[in-house]
Amino acid sequence: MSATGTHTGHAVVIGAGIAGLAAAHRLLERGLRVTVLEASGRVGGKLLPGEIAGVRVDLGAESMLARRPEAVALAREVGLAEQLRPPATATASIWTRGALRPMPKGHVMGVPGTAGALAGVLSDEGLARIERDAALPRTEVGDDVAVGEYVAERLGREVVDRLVDPLLGGVYAGDAYRISMRSAVPQLFQAARTHDSLTAAVRDIQARAAAGRQTGPVFMGIEGGVGRLPLAVAEAVRARGGEILTGTPVTELRRAGADPDVSDGAPDGVATGAHEDAGAPRPDAAWRVVAGHRVLYADAVVLAVPAHTAAGLLRAEAPAAAAELATVEYASMALITLAYRRSDLALPEGSGFLVPPVDGRTVKASTFASQKWGWIADEDPDVVVLRTSVGRHGETEIFQREDAELVEVSRHDLREATGLAAVPLQTRVTRWTDGLPQYPVGHHARVARIREHVAKLPGLAVCGAQYDGVGIPACIASAYAAVDQLGGDLSGVRELTANPVQSLHGGAGE
């Protein structure tokens, strides 16, 4: 890869989640020969299609933000244009203070422009506290601030505990009082820097959004599940001549001119016993990649793996970047999918509900999948599919329970929230250990330092959920920026640094 943007030679992508696959797809468009190496036995990462009671469902992420172009555009490029589907309903609820209450409108990630926007969710005292915002002195946000900390200071803790925290928790499975406002809610952060009043800042955001006249659905799904997206991208990569190797963990990443050092963490014998890639060794290659007993030589490498894996692979050549990546924390969660006979239940209207942690429930959210996605209902009108999620950052006890216990916890909370007492036809528990990277205060600065260290190594770039956003469009945007960086174009990285990708639309109410 030359500094002028001319793309030649062989690129290795490490990781076959949606970020790695998007990077491979873009690299092939630029004319490179591409090899994708994936440690697990499948592609797709946190996107996982499945089935329950004969109905296709997602067992991982189920929707993608449509107000960003990357995910929808990639789906169209790989032949899924006719399968794109908006949600059948955009209404949702919040289960708080003992009842299912309509999700408020007119807020940005739970932060209202007026107290009245949260009527019904907050107590009278909580609503009165919001009214004090206009009279409070300015609160400086500095270089970054925790969302919960700043909003609580301006509007009171009840706004955070009852609405901001469950909305953010649905994206990051984290704690609003630790999550970076600059990285997670960038439009709110920028507005807070220029307004004395937080509610005035929200009203300004809403006015500019209205003036922009954005049309179309906020979110988009895919018939059969968004888990089909990585499969279609992988198929497109292979159709263009790309090679995807699953069950192939990378054990060493070194500059091609560096002497292999078993002490750096490579298994005994790798340096001398691995089989060279076809046509290798290549004295002109930039990188040497060891994957099991295979050695590949590459002109460029895209590292699209979780932070702890990236830290291990970068330790020899970029120890400062590795040290930064090793500090990234993750939250684990589990999705419980339940299928019922339609004749056995009557659900409230809408797409589901969120649960504030302050209410002390185990389930943090539930999606009425058959009501949210019309294609699920159409596949078998006699079956109704629901999903619940459990697990937040720092929680360990709930994740240690057996699958049957997680199902019973879900059924208990569903019964308390909706009156659902029926016995499910079938259940599935999907565990995502260390599934969601956390974005604490200062996240943007940490990412900038990582990229600065990596940039010192020509032919190497990083991408994925731990950098620029956890949503599908964010991961794809991160992948495209990494490919552009390899060709000497830093505009994508600069744009992501200046304007992080929100992973949830602030006013969607979902």
Protein backbone atom coordinates (compact mmCIF):
# COMPACT_ATOMS: atom_id res chain seq x y z
CA MET A 1 0.00 0.00 0.00
CA SER A 2 1.53 3.28 -1.00
CA ALA A 3 1.20 6.68 0.63
CA THR A 4 -0.51 7.92 -2.50
CA GLY A 5 -3.46 5.58 -1.97
CA THR A 6 -2.50 3.01 -4.62
CA HIS A 7 -3.47 -0.40 -3.29
CA THR A 8 -1.39 -3.42 -4.30
CA GLY A 9 -0.29 -6.73 -2.86
CA HIS A 10 -1.67 -8.91 -0.13
CA ALA A 11 -3.72 -7.77 2.87
CA VAL A 12 -4.49 -9.90 5.93
CA VAL A 13 -7.54 -9.09 8.02
CA ILE A 14 -7.50 -10.56 11.51
CA GLY A 15 -11.05 -11.07 12.74
CA ALA A 16 -14.23 -11.91 10.81
CA GLY A 17 -16.82 -9.92 12.70
CA ILE A 18 -18.72 -7.32 10.72
CA ALA A 19 -15.80 -4.86 11.01
CA GLY A 20 -13.26 -7.34 9.66
CA LEU A 21 -15.54 -8.49 6.87
CA ALA A 22 -16.35 -4.90 5.87
CA ALA A 23 -12.61 -4.15 5.79
CA ALA A 24 -12.00 -7.20 3.60
CA HIS A 25 -14.80 -6.18 1.25
CA ARG A 26 -13.37 -2.67 0.90
CA LEU A 27 -9.79 -3.96 0.42
CA LEU A 28 -10.93 -6.20 -2.42
CA GLU A 29 -12.62 -3.22 -4.05
CA ARG A 30 -9.23 -1.49 -3.91
CA GLY A 31 -7.59 -4.33 -5.79
CA LEU A 32 -5.73 -6.24 -3.08
CA ARG A 33 -5.54 -9.97 -2.54
CA VAL A 34 -7.19 -10.57 0.83
CA THR A 35 -7.00 -13.27 3.48
CA VAL A 36 -9.29 -13.14 6.52
CA LEU A 37 -8.25 -15.09 9.62
CA GLU A 38 -10.89 -15.88 12.26
CA ALA A 39 -10.19 -17.73 15.49
CA SER A 40 -13.72 -19.04 16.02
CA GLY A 41 -15.54 -21.52 13.85
CA ARG A 42 -17.83 -18.98 12.16
CA VAL A 43 -17.97 -15.46 10.78
CA GLY A 44 -20.16 -12.66 12.09
CA GLY A 45 -19.00 -11.91 15.62
CA LYS A 46 -21.92 -10.48 17.61
CA LEU A 47 -24.27 -10.92 14.65
CA LEU A 48 -25.72 -14.40 14.85
CA PRO A 49 -28.74 -15.76 12.98
CA GLY A 50 -30.68 -18.60 14.55
CA GLU A 51 -34.03 -20.31 14.84
CA ILE A 52 -36.61 -21.01 17.51
CA ALA A 53 -39.81 -23.02 17.10
CA GLY A 54 -39.21 -23.06 13.34
CA VAL A 55 -38.97 -19.27 13.08
CA ARG A 56 -35.80 -17.44 12.04
CA VAL A 57 -34.52 -14.97 14.64
CA ASP A 58 -31.43 -13.04 15.64
CA LEU A 59 -29.50 -14.43 18.60
CA GLY A 60 -27.28 -11.35 18.72
CA ALA A 61 -27.79 -7.77 17.58
CA GLU A 62 -31.16 -7.42 15.84
CA SER A 63 -31.22 -3.95 14.24
CA MET A 64 -28.97 -1.32 12.75
CA LEU A 65 -29.16 2.44 12.83
CA ALA A 66 -30.45 3.60 9.44
CA ARG A 67 -29.69 7.30 9.95
CA ARG A 68 -26.04 6.41 9.32
CA PRO A 69 -25.45 5.13 5.77
CA GLU A 70 -22.78 2.47 6.21
CA ALA A 71 -24.75 -0.61 7.29
CA VAL A 72 -27.73 -0.18 4.99
CA ALA A 73 -25.44 0.63 2.07
CA LEU A 74 -23.29 -2.45 2.67
CA ALA A 75 -26.40 -4.63 2.91
CA ARG A 76 -27.50 -3.35 -0.48
CA GLU A 77 -24.05 -3.90 -1.97
CA VAL A 78 -24.06 -7.57 -0.97
CA GLY A 79 -27.50 -8.35 -2.33
CA LEU A 80 -29.81 -7.77 0.65
CA ALA A 81 -31.59 -4.66 -0.65
CA GLU A 82 -34.90 -6.47 -1.07
CA GLN A 83 -34.69 -7.94 2.44
CA LEU A 84 -34.23 -4.64 4.33
CA ARG A 85 -37.17 -4.08 6.68
CA PRO A 86 -38.02 -1.24 9.08
CA PRO A 87 -39.58 -2.12 12.43
CA ALA A 88 -43.32 -2.71 12.25
CA THR A 89 -43.77 -0.50 15.31
CA ALA A 90 -41.68 2.30 16.78
CA THR A 91 -43.52 2.54 20.09
CA ALA A 92 -41.93 1.14 23.23
CA SER A 93 -42.39 1.22 26.98
CA ILE A 94 -40.36 1.59 30.11
CA TRP A 95 -41.07 -0.67 33.08
CA THR A 96 -40.56 1.55 36.08
CA ARG A 97 -42.21 2.45 39.36
CA GLY A 98 -44.31 -0.70 39.18
CA ALA A 99 -45.90 -0.27 35.75
CA LEU A 100 -45.27 -0.32 32.02
CA ARG A 101 -45.27 3.32 30.95
CA PRO A 102 -45.08 4.73 27.40
CA MET A 103 -41.54 5.62 26.39
CA PRO A 104 -41.37 9.44 26.38
CA LYS A 105 -40.83 11.33 23.15
CA GLY A 106 -38.93 14.55 22.72
CA HIS A 107 -35.65 13.62 24.38
CA VAL A 108 -32.04 13.03 23.39
CA MET A 109 -30.88 9.75 24.92
CA GLY A 110 -33.34 10.30 27.77
CA VAL A 111 -32.44 13.96 28.31
CA PRO A 112 -35.57 16.10 27.85
CA GLY A 113 -35.98 19.52 26.33
CA THR A 114 -38.82 20.22 28.77
CA ALA A 115 -39.92 18.65 32.03
CA GLY A 116 -43.28 17.79 30.50
CA ALA A 117 -41.60 15.37 28.07
CA LEU A 118 -40.99 12.96 30.96
CA ALA A 119 -44.39 13.27 32.62
CA GLY A 120 -45.64 9.84 33.66
CA VAL A 121 -42.15 8.39 34.04
CA LEU A 122 -40.75 10.72 36.70
CA SER A 123 -42.25 11.69 40.03
CA ASP A 124 -43.55 15.21 40.62
CA GLU A 125 -40.33 15.93 42.51
CA GLY A 126 -38.27 14.69 39.58
CA LEU A 127 -40.17 16.88 37.13
CA ALA A 128 -39.79 19.91 39.40
CA ARG A 129 -36.03 19.29 39.58
CA ILE A 130 -35.79 19.52 35.78
CA GLU A 131 -37.38 22.95 35.86
CA ARG A 132 -34.46 24.26 37.94
CA ASP A 133 -32.00 23.70 35.08
CA ALA A 134 -32.63 27.09 33.45
CA ALA A 135 -31.70 28.92 36.64
CA LEU A 136 -28.52 26.97 37.44
CA PRO A 137 -25.08 28.38 36.64
CA ARG A 138 -23.23 26.86 33.70
CA THR A 139 -21.67 23.42 34.20
CA GLU A 140 -18.35 23.04 32.40
CA VAL A 141 -17.89 19.71 30.65
CA GLY A 142 -14.17 20.08 29.94
CA ASP A 143 -12.57 17.56 27.62
CA ASP A 144 -15.11 14.88 28.57
CA VAL A 145 -17.60 14.06 31.30
CA ALA A 146 -19.74 11.10 32.35
CA VAL A 147 -23.24 11.30 30.92
CA GLY A 148 -24.93 10.46 34.22
CA GLU A 149 -22.77 12.80 36.27
CA TYR A 150 -23.46 15.80 34.04
CA VAL A 151 -27.19 15.15 33.55
CA ALA A 152 -27.74 14.52 37.26
CA GLU A 153 -26.04 17.80 38.14
CA ARG A 154 -28.26 19.70 35.72
CA LEU A 155 -31.58 17.84 35.96
CA GLY A 156 -31.37 15.54 38.98
CA ARG A 157 -30.61 11.86 39.43
CA GLU A 158 -34.14 10.69 38.68
CA VAL A 159 -33.77 11.60 34.99
CA VAL A 160 -30.61 9.52 34.84
CA ASP A 161 -31.89 6.60 36.89
CA ARG A 162 -35.30 6.28 35.21
CA LEU A 163 -34.47 7.01 31.57
CA VAL A 164 -30.87 7.84 30.62
CA ASP A 165 -29.40 4.79 32.33
CA PRO A 166 -31.74 2.19 30.77
CA LEU A 167 -31.33 3.74 27.31
CA LEU A 168 -27.54 3.72 27.54
CA GLY A 169 -27.62 0.33 29.22
CA GLY A 170 -29.45 -1.06 26.22
CA VAL A 171 -26.48 -0.13 24.05
CA TYR A 172 -23.43 -0.60 26.27
CA ALA A 173 -24.74 -2.74 29.16
CA GLY A 174 -22.90 -0.14 31.22
CA ASP A 175 -23.38 2.46 33.93
CA ALA A 176 -24.49 5.94 32.83
CA TYR A 177 -22.46 7.46 35.66
CA ARG A 178 -19.26 6.09 34.05
CA ILE A 179 -20.03 6.32 30.32
CA SER A 180 -18.37 9.10 28.31
CA MET A 181 -20.76 11.74 27.01
CA ARG A 182 -18.27 12.80 24.35
CA SER A 183 -18.10 9.28 22.89
CA ALA A 184 -21.58 7.91 23.59
CA VAL A 185 -23.77 10.99 23.05
CA PRO A 186 -21.53 13.32 21.01
CA GLN A 187 -24.28 15.68 19.85
CA LEU A 188 -25.28 16.29 23.47
CA PHE A 189 -21.66 16.85 24.46
CA GLN A 190 -21.12 19.44 21.74
CA ALA A 191 -24.36 21.24 22.64
CA ALA A 192 -23.44 21.25 26.33
CA ARG A 193 -20.21 23.08 25.50
CA THR A 194 -22.10 26.00 23.97
CA HIS A 195 -25.23 26.27 26.15
CA ASP A 196 -25.64 27.29 29.77
CA SER A 197 -28.86 25.26 30.12
CA LEU A 198 -29.02 21.53 29.29
CA THR A 199 -32.71 21.62 28.41
CA ALA A 200 -32.01 24.56 26.08
CA ALA A 201 -29.21 22.52 24.49
CA VAL A 202 -31.63 19.64 23.87
CA ARG A 203 -34.21 21.96 22.35
CA ASP A 204 -31.53 23.34 20.03
CA ILE A 205 -30.59 19.79 18.93
CA GLN A 206 -34.25 19.02 18.28
CA ALA A 207 -34.75 22.23 16.30
CA ARG A 208 -31.73 21.51 14.09
CA ALA A 209 -32.93 17.92 13.56
CA ALA A 210 -36.36 19.20 12.53
CA ALA A 211 -34.77 21.69 10.14
CA GLY A 212 -32.73 18.86 8.63
CA ARG A 213 -35.97 17.04 7.78
CA GLN A 214 -34.51 13.55 8.11
CA THR A 215 -36.99 11.08 6.68
CA GLY A 216 -37.22 7.33 6.63
CA PRO A 217 -36.92 4.82 9.47
CA VAL A 218 -34.47 5.39 12.30
CA PHE A 219 -33.63 1.69 12.51
CA MET A 220 -33.57 -1.08 9.95
CA GLY A 221 -33.62 -4.85 10.14
CA ILE A 222 -33.19 -7.62 7.59
CA GLU A 223 -35.77 -10.27 6.82
CA GLY A 224 -34.44 -13.42 8.43
CA GLY A 225 -32.32 -11.36 10.84
CA VAL A 226 -29.41 -8.94 10.64
CA GLY A 227 -27.24 -11.98 11.32
CA ARG A 228 -27.57 -12.58 7.59
CA LEU A 229 -25.48 -9.47 6.87
CA PRO A 230 -22.03 -10.87 7.74
CA LEU A 231 -22.85 -14.10 5.91
CA ALA A 232 -23.70 -12.13 2.78
CA VAL A 233 -20.57 -9.99 3.11
CA ALA A 234 -18.45 -13.12 3.54
CA GLU A 235 -20.03 -14.61 0.43
CA ALA A 236 -19.26 -11.42 -1.50
CA VAL A 237 -15.66 -11.49 -0.25
CA ARG A 238 -15.22 -15.07 -1.43
CA ALA A 239 -16.89 -14.28 -4.77
CA ARG A 240 -14.25 -11.62 -5.37
CA GLY A 241 -11.44 -14.06 -4.64
CA GLY A 242 -10.92 -13.33 -0.97
CA GLU A 243 -10.00 -16.20 1.34
CA ILE A 244 -11.70 -16.59 4.74
CA LEU A 245 -10.21 -19.10 7.15
CA THR A 246 -12.23 -19.89 10.29
CA GLY A 247 -10.85 -21.85 13.23
CA THR A 248 -7.55 -20.12 12.54
CA PRO A 249 -6.36 -18.06 15.51
CA VAL A 250 -3.42 -15.74 14.91
CA THR A 251 -0.65 -16.37 17.40
CA GLU A 252 1.96 -13.87 16.26
CA LEU A 253 2.07 -10.58 14.38
CA ARG A 254 5.50 -9.21 13.57
CA ARG A 255 7.07 -6.88 11.07
CA ALA A 256 8.53 -9.08 8.36
CA GLY A 257 12.05 -7.90 9.04
CA ALA A 258 11.83 -8.64 12.76
CA ASP A 259 13.39 -11.78 14.16
CA PRO A 260 10.70 -14.14 15.51
CA ASP A 261 10.98 -14.35 19.26
CA VAL A 262 9.30 -17.25 21.00
CA SER A 263 9.41 -15.28 24.26
CA ASP A 264 6.93 -12.75 22.82
CA GLY A 265 4.13 -15.24 23.36
CA ALA A 266 4.23 -17.41 20.24
CA PRO A 267 3.83 -21.11 21.04
CA ASP A 268 6.98 -23.17 21.16
CA GLY A 269 8.01 -24.20 17.69
CA VAL A 270 5.99 -21.58 15.80
CA ALA A 271 9.05 -19.68 14.66
CA THR A 272 10.67 -22.74 13.13
CA GLY A 273 7.81 -25.19 12.57
CA ALA A 274 5.15 -23.09 10.84
CA HIS A 275 4.49 -23.63 7.15
CA GLU A 276 5.22 -20.65 4.93
CA ASP A 277 2.37 -19.23 2.86
CA ALA A 278 2.35 -20.04 -0.82
CA GLY A 279 5.04 -18.03 -2.54
CA ALA A 280 6.60 -16.97 0.76
CA PRO A 281 8.90 -15.90 2.27
CA ARG A 282 8.66 -12.44 0.72
CA PRO A 283 11.52 -10.13 1.58
CA ASP A 284 9.53 -7.11 0.43
CA ALA A 285 6.49 -7.80 2.64
CA ALA A 286 5.76 -5.55 5.60
CA TRP A 287 4.22 -8.09 7.98
CA ARG A 288 4.60 -11.69 9.02
CA VAL A 289 1.46 -13.31 10.43
CA VAL A 290 1.55 -16.67 12.18
CA ALA A 291 -1.76 -18.51 12.39
CA GLY A 292 -1.40 -21.99 13.84
CA HIS A 293 1.11 -23.78 11.61
CA ARG A 294 0.71 -21.36 8.74
CA VAL A 295 2.75 -18.23 8.06
CA LEU A 296 1.43 -15.45 5.84
CA TYR A 297 3.35 -12.46 4.51
CA ALA A 298 1.32 -9.31 4.03
CA ASP A 299 1.77 -5.81 2.70
CA ALA A 300 -1.01 -4.63 5.01
CA VAL A 301 -2.77 -5.92 8.11
CA VAL A 302 -6.12 -4.84 9.53
CA LEU A 303 -6.60 -5.84 13.14
CA ALA A 304 -10.36 -6.24 13.74
CA VAL A 305 -10.47 -8.20 16.98
CA PRO A 306 -11.53 -7.36 20.57
CA ALA A 307 -9.22 -5.21 22.64
CA HIS A 308 -7.64 -7.96 24.75
CA THR A 309 -6.83 -10.03 21.64
CA ALA A 310 -5.45 -6.98 19.85
CA ALA A 311 -3.30 -6.18 22.90
CA GLY A 312 -1.71 -9.63 22.78
CA LEU A 313 -0.92 -9.40 19.08
CA LEU A 314 0.50 -5.88 19.30
CA ARG A 315 2.64 -6.45 22.37
CA ALA A 316 5.82 -7.17 20.41
CA GLU A 317 5.64 -4.37 17.82
CA ALA A 318 3.47 -1.71 19.49
CA PRO A 319 3.76 -2.17 23.25
CA ALA A 320 2.31 1.25 24.04
CA ALA A 321 -0.81 0.55 21.98
CA ALA A 322 -1.06 -2.89 23.56
CA ALA A 323 -0.91 -1.38 27.04
CA GLU A 324 -3.77 1.00 26.19
CA LEU A 325 -5.88 -1.79 24.70
CA ALA A 326 -5.31 -3.97 27.74
CA THR A 327 -7.18 -1.40 29.86
CA VAL A 328 -10.42 -1.64 27.86
CA GLU A 329 -13.19 -3.14 29.98
CA TYR A 330 -16.07 -5.24 28.66
CA ALA A 331 -19.55 -6.13 29.82
CA SER A 332 -21.02 -9.61 29.47
CA MET A 333 -24.67 -10.23 28.74
CA ALA A 334 -27.08 -12.99 27.85
CA LEU A 335 -30.07 -13.00 25.51
CA ILE A 336 -32.98 -15.26 26.36
CA THR A 337 -35.25 -16.01 23.38
CA LEU A 338 -38.68 -17.47 24.11
CA ALA A 339 -41.32 -18.77 21.69
CA TYR A 340 -45.01 -19.07 22.66
CA ARG A 341 -48.26 -20.17 21.05
CA ARG A 342 -50.10 -17.03 20.00
CA SER A 343 -53.29 -18.38 21.53
CA ASP A 344 -51.58 -18.54 24.95
CA LEU A 345 -50.77 -14.86 25.41
CA ALA A 346 -51.82 -11.28 24.84
CA LEU A 347 -48.96 -8.78 24.89
CA PRO A 348 -49.13 -5.02 25.33
CA GLU A 349 -48.74 -3.04 22.12
CA GLY A 350 -45.32 -1.90 20.97
CA SER A 351 -41.87 -3.30 20.40
CA GLY A 352 -41.03 -4.07 24.04
CA PHE A 353 -39.74 -2.33 27.13
CA LEU A 354 -36.61 -1.16 28.93
CA VAL A 355 -36.00 -1.58 32.67
CA PRO A 356 -34.08 0.97 34.76
CA PRO A 357 -31.49 -0.70 37.02
CA VAL A 358 -32.77 1.42 39.92
CA ASP A 359 -35.99 -0.64 39.91
CA GLY A 360 -34.06 -3.72 41.01
CA ARG A 361 -35.25 -6.13 38.30
CA THR A 362 -33.02 -8.80 36.80
CA VAL A 363 -34.13 -8.37 33.19
CA LYS A 364 -32.86 -5.09 31.72
CA ALA A 365 -34.98 -5.14 28.56
CA SER A 366 -37.45 -7.19 26.57
CA THR A 367 -38.20 -7.11 22.85
CA PHE A 368 -41.55 -8.33 21.53
CA ALA A 369 -39.80 -9.61 18.43
CA SER A 370 -42.92 -10.77 16.60
CA GLN A 371 -44.47 -7.33 17.04
CA LYS A 372 -41.30 -5.40 16.23
CA TRP A 373 -40.41 -7.31 13.06
CA GLY A 374 -43.26 -8.16 10.73
CA TRP A 375 -41.30 -10.89 9.00
CA ILE A 376 -41.09 -12.90 12.23
CA ALA A 377 -44.87 -12.81 12.62
CA ASP A 378 -45.30 -13.73 8.96
CA GLU A 379 -43.05 -16.81 9.17
CA ASP A 380 -45.49 -18.52 11.53
CA PRO A 381 -48.58 -16.55 12.60
CA ASP A 382 -49.24 -19.10 15.36
CA VAL A 383 -45.88 -18.46 17.09
CA VAL A 384 -44.91 -15.36 19.09
CA VAL A 385 -41.23 -14.69 19.80
CA LEU A 386 -39.93 -12.56 22.69
CA ARG A 387 -36.39 -11.72 23.79
CA THR A 388 -35.08 -10.59 27.14
CA SER A 389 -31.57 -9.50 28.07
CA VAL A 390 -29.70 -9.76 31.35
CA GLY A 391 -26.27 -8.63 32.45
CA ARG A 392 -24.63 -5.26 32.98
CA HIS A 393 -21.04 -4.12 33.41
CA GLY A 394 -19.66 -5.40 36.70
CA GLU A 395 -22.39 -7.99 37.24
CA THR A 396 -21.03 -11.50 37.64
CA GLU A 397 -23.57 -13.46 39.69
CA ILE A 398 -26.35 -13.47 37.10
CA PHE A 399 -23.98 -14.65 34.40
CA GLN A 400 -22.93 -17.66 36.46
CA ARG A 401 -26.48 -19.08 36.56
CA GLU A 402 -27.52 -22.07 34.46
CA ASP A 403 -29.53 -21.50 31.30
CA ALA A 404 -32.68 -22.85 32.94
CA GLU A 405 -32.35 -20.30 35.74
CA LEU A 406 -31.99 -17.44 33.26
CA VAL A 407 -35.15 -18.62 31.50
CA GLU A 408 -37.05 -18.71 34.79
CA VAL A 409 -35.81 -15.24 35.77
CA SER A 410 -36.98 -13.95 32.41
CA ARG A 411 -40.38 -15.60 32.73
CA HIS A 412 -40.78 -14.17 36.23
CA ASP A 413 -40.03 -10.62 35.14
CA LEU A 414 -42.20 -10.94 32.03
CA ARG A 415 -45.07 -12.13 34.20
CA GLU A 416 -44.58 -9.19 36.58
CA ALA A 417 -44.40 -6.67 33.73
CA THR A 418 -47.06 -7.98 31.33
CA GLY A 419 -49.02 -10.71 33.11
CA LEU A 420 -47.55 -13.36 30.77
CA ALA A 421 -47.93 -16.69 32.58
CA ALA A 422 -47.92 -19.13 29.65
CA VAL A 423 -45.34 -21.88 29.29
CA PRO A 424 -43.06 -21.27 26.29
CA LEU A 425 -42.89 -23.71 23.42
CA GLN A 426 -39.11 -23.41 23.28
CA THR A 427 -36.35 -21.29 24.79
CA ARG A 428 -32.78 -20.45 23.82
CA VAL A 429 -30.07 -18.77 25.88
CA THR A 430 -27.23 -17.05 24.05
CA ARG A 431 -24.32 -15.82 26.16
CA TRP A 432 -22.09 -13.00 24.99
CA THR A 433 -19.09 -13.12 27.30
CA ASP A 434 -17.19 -9.80 27.17
CA GLY A 435 -19.56 -8.80 24.39
CA LEU A 436 -19.70 -5.02 24.79
CA PRO A 437 -16.69 -2.69 25.22
CA GLN A 438 -17.16 0.09 27.74
CA TYR A 439 -16.68 3.76 26.87
CA PRO A 440 -15.63 5.48 30.12
CA VAL A 441 -14.72 9.16 30.42
CA GLY A 442 -11.60 9.78 28.32
CA HIS A 443 -12.39 7.02 25.84
CA HIS A 444 -11.79 9.29 22.84
CA ALA A 445 -8.34 10.22 24.13
CA ARG A 446 -7.41 6.58 24.66
CA VAL A 447 -8.48 5.72 21.11
CA ALA A 448 -6.44 8.63 19.76
CA ARG A 449 -3.36 7.38 21.62
CA ILE A 450 -3.84 3.84 20.31
CA ARG A 451 -4.11 5.07 16.73
CA GLU A 452 -1.09 7.34 17.17
CA HIS A 453 1.02 4.38 18.31
CA VAL A 454 -0.29 2.10 15.54
CA ALA A 455 0.30 4.77 12.88
CA LYS A 456 4.04 4.51 13.53
CA LEU A 457 3.91 1.04 11.96
CA PRO A 458 3.35 1.29 8.18
CA GLY A 459 0.82 -1.12 6.75
CA LEU A 460 -1.09 -1.63 10.00
CA ALA A 461 -4.54 -0.34 11.02
CA VAL A 462 -7.11 -1.19 13.67
CA CYS A 463 -10.92 -1.16 13.69
CA GLY A 464 -13.88 -2.49 15.62
CA ALA A 465 -16.39 -1.80 18.36
CA GLN A 466 -13.82 -0.75 20.96
CA TYR A 467 -12.88 2.38 19.01
CA ASP A 468 -15.63 4.37 17.32
CA GLY A 469 -19.00 3.00 18.44
CA VAL A 470 -20.57 -0.36 19.22
CA GLY A 471 -23.36 -0.30 16.61
CA ILE A 472 -23.18 -1.98 13.22
CA PRO A 473 -22.75 1.27 11.19
CA ALA A 474 -20.03 2.39 13.61
CA CYS A 475 -18.08 -0.85 13.16
CA ILE A 476 -18.34 -0.59 9.38
CA ALA A 477 -17.30 3.08 9.41
CA SER A 478 -14.31 2.11 11.57
CA ALA A 479 -13.36 -0.59 9.06
CA TYR A 480 -13.56 1.77 6.10
CA ALA A 481 -11.46 4.36 7.92
CA ALA A 482 -8.83 1.69 8.63
CA VAL A 483 -8.64 0.71 4.95
CA ASP A 484 -8.38 4.34 3.89
CA GLN A 485 -5.62 4.89 6.44
CA LEU A 486 -3.60 2.06 4.92
CA GLY A 487 -3.71 3.94 1.62
CA GLY A 488 -2.53 7.17 3.24
CA ASP A 489 -5.98 8.77 3.53
CA LEU A 490 -6.57 9.83 7.13
CA SER A 491 -9.82 11.71 6.51
CA GLY A 492 -11.98 8.82 7.74
CA VAL A 493 -10.07 8.49 11.00
CA ARG A 494 -10.16 12.26 11.52
CA GLU A 495 -13.92 12.34 10.88
CA LEU A 496 -14.58 9.57 13.40
CA THR A 497 -12.39 11.32 15.95
CA ALA A 498 -14.18 14.62 15.46
CA ASN A 499 -17.69 13.15 15.12
CA PRO A 500 -18.06 9.80 16.92
CA VAL A 501 -20.81 7.52 15.67
CA GLN A 502 -23.76 7.36 18.03
CA SER A 503 -24.93 3.80 18.42
CA LEU A 504 -28.49 4.72 19.35
CA HIS A 505 -30.61 7.51 17.94
CA GLY A 506 -31.29 9.87 20.83
CA GLY A 507 -34.94 10.52 20.13
CA ALA A 508 -36.01 7.10 18.92
CA GLY A 509 -37.58 6.00 22.16
CA GLU A 510 -36.48 2.41 21.63
